[in-house]
């Protein structure tokens, strides 16, 4: 069994951690492929008191103290792994985690940086020639990304990466699926997202503007960081919505909204986790436009694509009620057929197998350099 040491933000909590669903889906599917993953996450940002899941049977979890000593102890465990992964966006000592875990990795281990926010990571590396990741890129075996397509692949290679492969978000049908509607989620449009500066203007356009234009319609907003007193009166703020409630949230409103962060929309080919969660629940998704959406869902048949807030308002006003359900069911059929994490894990296994063979061939040279 291939042992993987995975250093990321959190597997157990989605609190201020948008990558949680992605990590869970990928790692669970990797376990089915024969990988034994230990997820190393710092005890930071109060995530452990907001756990969505307990330690699953498909992964081991090491919650380490967010201190220099805790980091050193966690990083040392990389020496036991065949594959060592450092994910972006841990939020605590990211550069130091990267340095220490890759230094601890065995010469024959596969060394991977897994980028769950490629636009931000690439921007930082371009601005800072001394960025820790940028300096280490030539020594890493592989870059995996949450999305981005050819533009991100080219950018990473131009900065010195040996290879870069997108592993897109997907659906775990066991956790995200149709569910009975819940009265507390009744609305014409639901939107689930933490408040982030990189999304503020687009949220104002695609969510707040339609709410203001349709005072007779009901809107619900889930996620952390929102201030109800600054929003239109027909928006109900729910605060943090636990992952276990996402299915009902996506099923209950007439439609649910996805709004990409500015950088993700500009990069394209970066479907948010929310896209597959909503489709997997059979919800009708309205998304802002970003390049590449048609690779995942067919506009007007499996998803509604809005160019601005007026489009969102027009969908809610002009489409017959049954149309929303038809679009949601079409999306569900598509993601079950093509966009499950099992499919992604099959792709990932092929990529890792090839990269591991190259890493083992380079192991003697690595040993000489280390000496």
Foldseek 3Di string as FASTA:
>chain_A
DFEEEEEAQDCFFCAVNQCNVVVVQQQLLLLVVPYAYEYEAECDPVRVVHGLDDDDPSYHYHYFHLDPVRLLVSLLCLCVGQEYEYEPDNPGPSLVSLVSNVVNHALLHAYEYEYAPQLVVLVVCVVDVVPSCLVCQQVHLEYEYQWQPPVSQVSSVVSRHPGYYYLYAADDLVQFAADDADPVLEWQEEEEDADDPQQVVQCCKAPQVLCVVCVVTAYEYEEPDDDVVVGDPRYHYDYHDRSNCLLNNLNRHLAYEDEDGNSDQVSFGRDRNNLNSNLRNLFAYEYEDGPPPCVQANDPQQHDYDPTNVSNNCCSVPDDSVSRSRNSPVSNVRRVVAGGSNNSNVVVVVVVVVSSVVSNVCSVVSVVVVD
